[in-house]
Amino acid sequence: MSRVDTRRGTRTGRWVAALVAVLAAGLLLGSTASAAAQDGAAIRRAGLVVRHGDGRLTYAFVPFREETISGIDLLRRSGIEHVTIPFGGLGEGVGALEGEGCPTGECRRRVCQGTGPNAPYWRFFHQVAPGNWQPLALGASATTVRDGDVFGWSWTGEEPGLPAVSVADVARLVGVSDRIGGLADGALPAAAVRTVYPSGVQAEPASNGQSRAAYAVAIGLIALMGMGALYAARRARRRASPPEAPA
């Protein structure tokens, strides 16, 4: 009888050991998968600088969750006003940024470049080292953007004229924190944009909403002035008219 009990206990111990091994393997695989998922969801960031012909600079800080994005995605997610033209398998060309550039027809023919050898157009650059901006002849659609990269667009036909900035510098200039780099928790922050006007360059005129409000106020003042002039004219005519004779 004791021999039978010993065998049963041995079998039970083997089953328990096997079950513990399976559970341990499941926990290990689960923790590995969780770590991989968190790494895939990490928030990455890149900087974008746009230099206009008058010297003003627009900075954009762009967070993203993918391992990489394209240069044209970086522009789209930045919130910077842009007009792009499709060129088939070559991707998209940039015709205008924040109102500076050329119409779509001209962009499709010459990518906005004038007839002169140094005529400006929107050129795309990658900062490979602080202040070292390299032109990207294949364009933004064929460019890979990784965490920590800084790219630039410049309205120029010669030198880029772009400043030496890091992603942390761009974050500071647009007024946000750069501590999101590498974080996996929380919602993806929105991109942030700011335009800086150098000395001697005037800020852009009021927005369309402000212009419409000013226009409405002006129309109202003109209407009031017209009503006042009409009232004054009527009073003047009444005073000039002779009094009626009694019946």
Protein backbone atom coordinates (compact mmCIF):
# COMPACT_ATOMS: atom_id res chain seq x y z
CA MET A 1 0.00 0.00 0.00
CA SER A 2 2.84 2.36 0.77
CA ARG A 3 4.45 1.68 -2.59
CA VAL A 4 1.26 2.80 -4.41
CA ASP A 5 1.10 6.03 -2.40
CA THR A 6 4.71 6.80 -3.18
CA ARG A 7 4.12 6.45 -6.91
CA ARG A 8 1.05 8.68 -6.80
CA GLY A 9 2.95 11.34 -4.88
CA THR A 10 5.78 11.23 -7.40
CA ARG A 11 3.36 11.66 -10.30
CA THR A 12 1.61 14.55 -8.57
CA GLY A 13 4.93 16.28 -7.90
CA ARG A 14 5.87 15.96 -11.56
CA TRP A 15 2.57 17.50 -12.66
CA VAL A 16 2.99 20.38 -10.22
CA ALA A 17 6.54 21.04 -11.41
CA ALA A 18 5.44 21.01 -15.04
CA LEU A 19 2.58 23.40 -14.30
CA VAL A 20 4.91 25.79 -12.48
CA ALA A 21 7.34 25.73 -15.44
CA VAL A 22 4.53 26.54 -17.90
CA LEU A 23 3.28 29.41 -15.76
CA ALA A 24 6.79 30.81 -15.39
CA ALA A 25 7.36 30.67 -19.14
CA GLY A 26 4.04 32.45 -19.73
CA LEU A 27 4.93 35.20 -17.31
CA LEU A 28 8.34 35.64 -18.94
CA LEU A 29 6.84 35.84 -22.42
CA GLY A 30 4.17 38.25 -21.21
CA SER A 31 6.69 40.59 -19.63
CA THR A 32 8.85 40.49 -22.79
CA ALA A 33 5.86 41.27 -25.01
CA SER A 34 4.80 44.09 -22.67
CA ALA A 35 8.28 45.61 -22.81
CA ALA A 36 8.32 45.35 -26.60
CA ALA A 37 4.89 47.00 -26.82
CA GLN A 38 6.00 49.82 -24.56
CA ASP A 39 9.14 50.32 -26.64
CA GLY A 40 7.04 50.44 -29.81
CA ALA A 41 4.77 53.07 -28.23
CA ALA A 42 7.61 55.30 -27.06
CA ILE A 43 7.22 58.95 -27.95
CA ARG A 44 9.89 60.18 -30.33
CA ARG A 45 10.45 63.74 -31.53
CA ALA A 46 11.99 65.72 -34.34
CA GLY A 47 12.53 69.39 -35.13
CA LEU A 48 11.71 71.37 -38.26
CA VAL A 49 12.97 74.84 -39.21
CA VAL A 50 11.57 76.94 -42.06
CA ARG A 51 13.56 79.96 -43.26
CA HIS A 52 11.75 82.49 -45.44
CA GLY A 53 13.22 84.85 -47.98
CA ASP A 54 12.90 87.82 -45.62
CA GLY A 55 14.84 86.00 -42.91
CA ARG A 56 12.02 85.03 -40.58
CA LEU A 57 12.23 81.56 -39.06
CA THR A 58 9.44 79.17 -38.14
CA TYR A 59 10.26 76.40 -35.68
CA ALA A 60 8.17 73.24 -35.22
CA PHE A 61 8.52 70.53 -32.57
CA VAL A 62 6.88 67.30 -33.78
CA PRO A 63 6.29 64.23 -31.53
CA PHE A 64 5.54 60.83 -33.13
CA ARG A 65 5.21 57.20 -32.02
CA GLU A 66 6.48 55.35 -35.10
CA GLU A 67 10.07 54.18 -35.33
CA THR A 68 10.52 56.50 -38.32
CA ILE A 69 8.40 58.83 -40.47
CA SER A 70 9.07 60.52 -43.80
CA GLY A 71 10.15 64.11 -44.29
CA ILE A 72 6.84 64.98 -45.89
CA ASP A 73 4.99 63.46 -42.89
CA LEU A 74 7.13 65.64 -40.63
CA LEU A 75 5.98 68.71 -42.55
CA ARG A 76 2.33 67.65 -42.48
CA ARG A 77 2.33 66.92 -38.76
CA SER A 78 4.11 70.15 -37.91
CA GLY A 79 1.03 72.28 -38.52
CA ILE A 80 2.99 74.64 -40.78
CA GLU A 81 0.87 75.90 -43.67
CA HIS A 82 2.07 74.21 -46.86
CA VAL A 83 1.18 73.43 -50.47
CA THR A 84 2.61 70.23 -51.96
CA ILE A 85 2.52 68.93 -55.53
CA PRO A 86 2.56 65.19 -56.37
CA PHE A 87 5.28 64.07 -58.80
CA GLY A 88 4.24 60.44 -59.24
CA GLY A 89 6.88 57.96 -58.12
CA LEU A 90 9.18 60.80 -57.05
CA GLY A 91 6.87 61.74 -54.20
CA GLU A 92 5.74 65.28 -53.43
CA GLY A 93 7.37 68.62 -54.03
CA VAL A 94 6.79 71.71 -51.90
CA GLY A 95 5.36 74.67 -53.78
CA ALA A 96 4.66 77.05 -50.89
CA LEU A 97 5.23 77.33 -47.16
CA GLU A 98 3.27 79.85 -45.09
CA GLY A 99 2.23 81.71 -48.22
CA GLU A 100 5.69 82.00 -49.80
CA GLY A 101 6.35 80.06 -52.98
CA CYS A 102 4.64 79.70 -56.34
CA PRO A 103 1.38 78.45 -57.88
CA THR A 104 0.93 74.73 -58.46
CA GLY A 105 1.38 74.98 -62.22
CA GLU A 106 4.73 76.73 -61.92
CA CYS A 107 5.83 74.34 -59.19
CA ARG A 108 5.05 71.36 -61.39
CA ARG A 109 7.15 72.79 -64.24
CA ARG A 110 10.20 74.11 -62.37
CA VAL A 111 9.65 73.37 -58.66
CA CYS A 112 9.21 77.14 -58.17
CA GLN A 113 12.77 77.96 -59.23
CA GLY A 114 13.17 81.07 -61.40
CA THR A 115 15.23 81.35 -64.54
CA GLY A 116 18.43 82.59 -62.84
CA PRO A 117 21.06 80.09 -61.67
CA ASN A 118 20.73 81.26 -58.06
CA ALA A 119 16.98 81.85 -58.10
CA PRO A 120 15.41 80.75 -54.79
CA TYR A 121 13.04 77.84 -54.29
CA TRP A 122 12.14 75.61 -51.35
CA ARG A 123 15.19 73.45 -50.68
CA PHE A 124 15.17 70.65 -48.12
CA PHE A 125 18.10 70.13 -45.71
CA HIS A 126 19.14 67.74 -42.95
CA GLN A 127 21.30 68.93 -40.06
CA VAL A 128 23.96 66.20 -39.75
CA ALA A 129 25.88 68.18 -37.09
CA PRO A 130 25.18 71.49 -35.32
CA GLY A 131 25.07 74.09 -38.09
CA ASN A 132 26.04 71.57 -40.79
CA TRP A 133 23.04 71.48 -43.11
CA GLN A 134 23.22 69.04 -46.02
CA PRO A 135 20.83 69.36 -48.99
CA LEU A 136 18.60 66.37 -49.77
CA ALA A 137 18.26 66.12 -53.52
CA LEU A 138 15.74 63.25 -53.40
CA GLY A 139 13.25 65.40 -51.49
CA ALA A 140 11.18 65.03 -48.36
CA SER A 141 9.12 62.04 -49.48
CA ALA A 142 12.25 59.87 -49.78
CA THR A 143 13.75 61.08 -46.49
CA THR A 144 13.63 59.07 -43.25
CA VAL A 145 13.11 60.99 -40.01
CA ARG A 146 14.30 59.41 -36.75
CA ASP A 147 14.13 60.39 -33.12
CA GLY A 148 16.23 63.50 -32.46
CA ASP A 149 16.55 64.57 -36.10
CA VAL A 150 16.31 68.21 -37.19
CA PHE A 151 15.39 69.12 -40.77
CA GLY A 152 15.00 72.45 -42.50
CA TRP A 153 13.32 74.12 -45.45
CA SER A 154 14.92 77.28 -46.83
CA TRP A 155 13.74 79.64 -49.59
CA THR A 156 17.12 79.91 -51.25
CA GLY A 157 19.09 79.00 -54.34
CA GLU A 158 22.44 78.94 -52.60
CA GLU A 159 23.38 78.57 -48.93
CA PRO A 160 20.73 77.26 -46.50
CA GLY A 161 21.02 80.14 -44.02
CA LEU A 162 19.55 77.89 -41.31
CA PRO A 163 20.59 78.19 -37.65
CA ALA A 164 22.38 75.55 -35.58
CA VAL A 165 19.68 74.05 -33.34
CA SER A 166 19.04 70.77 -31.56
CA VAL A 167 15.66 69.19 -30.88
CA ALA A 168 15.90 70.52 -27.33
CA ASP A 169 16.56 74.01 -28.72
CA VAL A 170 13.50 73.77 -30.96
CA ALA A 171 11.38 72.64 -28.02
CA ARG A 172 12.57 75.59 -25.96
CA LEU A 173 11.96 78.06 -28.80
CA VAL A 174 8.35 76.91 -29.26
CA GLY A 175 7.74 76.85 -25.51
CA VAL A 176 7.36 73.12 -24.75
CA SER A 177 9.34 70.55 -22.78
CA ASP A 178 11.67 68.07 -24.47
CA ARG A 179 11.27 65.51 -21.66
CA ILE A 180 8.74 63.50 -23.72
CA GLY A 181 11.58 61.76 -25.55
CA GLY A 182 11.50 58.02 -24.82
CA LEU A 183 8.31 58.08 -22.75
CA ALA A 184 5.74 55.39 -23.42
CA ASP A 185 2.81 56.41 -21.24
CA GLY A 186 0.21 59.09 -21.87
CA ALA A 187 -1.31 60.63 -24.96
CA LEU A 188 0.85 61.85 -27.81
CA PRO A 189 1.44 65.60 -27.36
CA ALA A 190 0.47 67.94 -30.17
CA ALA A 191 3.07 69.55 -32.38
CA ALA A 192 4.07 73.09 -31.43
CA VAL A 193 4.99 75.91 -33.83
CA ARG A 194 6.40 79.41 -33.42
CA THR A 195 7.64 82.03 -35.87
CA VAL A 196 10.57 84.27 -34.92
CA TYR A 197 11.10 87.60 -36.68
CA PRO A 198 14.69 88.84 -36.89
CA SER A 199 15.60 92.46 -36.40
CA GLY A 200 14.22 94.66 -39.16
CA VAL A 201 11.56 92.17 -40.28
CA GLN A 202 7.97 93.16 -39.55
CA ALA A 203 5.46 90.67 -38.25
CA GLU A 204 2.76 89.40 -40.55
CA PRO A 205 -0.45 91.40 -40.86
CA ALA A 206 -3.49 90.58 -38.76
CA SER A 207 -5.20 87.27 -39.38
CA ASN A 208 -8.28 86.97 -41.59
CA GLY A 209 -10.54 86.96 -38.54
CA GLN A 210 -9.03 90.15 -37.21
CA SER A 211 -9.18 91.72 -40.67
CA ARG A 212 -12.86 90.88 -41.01
CA ALA A 213 -13.59 92.34 -37.57
CA ALA A 214 -11.73 95.56 -38.42
CA TYR A 215 -13.59 95.73 -41.72
CA ALA A 216 -16.96 95.36 -39.97
CA VAL A 217 -16.08 98.09 -37.48
CA ALA A 218 -15.05 100.41 -40.30
CA ILE A 219 -18.32 99.77 -42.16
CA GLY A 220 -20.29 100.52 -38.99
CA LEU A 221 -18.46 103.82 -38.45
CA ILE A 222 -19.07 104.86 -42.05
CA ALA A 223 -22.77 104.06 -41.68
CA LEU A 224 -23.03 106.13 -38.49
CA MET A 225 -21.24 109.04 -40.14
CA GLY A 226 -23.63 108.87 -43.09
CA MET A 227 -26.69 108.88 -40.84
CA GLY A 228 -25.31 111.85 -38.92
CA ALA A 229 -24.66 113.79 -42.12
CA LEU A 230 -28.19 113.06 -43.38
CA TYR A 231 -29.73 114.24 -40.09
CA ALA A 232 -27.68 117.45 -40.16
CA ALA A 233 -28.72 118.14 -43.77
CA ARG A 234 -32.42 117.73 -42.92
CA ARG A 235 -32.15 120.14 -39.99
CA ALA A 236 -30.39 122.68 -42.16
CA ARG A 237 -33.16 122.49 -44.77
CA ARG A 238 -35.83 122.95 -42.10
CA ARG A 239 -34.12 126.08 -40.76
CA ALA A 240 -33.72 127.54 -44.27
CA SER A 241 -37.41 127.02 -45.20
CA PRO A 242 -39.69 130.19 -44.71
CA PRO A 243 -42.47 129.88 -42.12
CA GLU A 244 -45.95 129.03 -43.46
CA ALA A 245 -48.54 131.94 -43.67
CA PRO A 246 -51.56 131.63 -41.35
CA ALA A 247 -54.82 130.51 -43.03
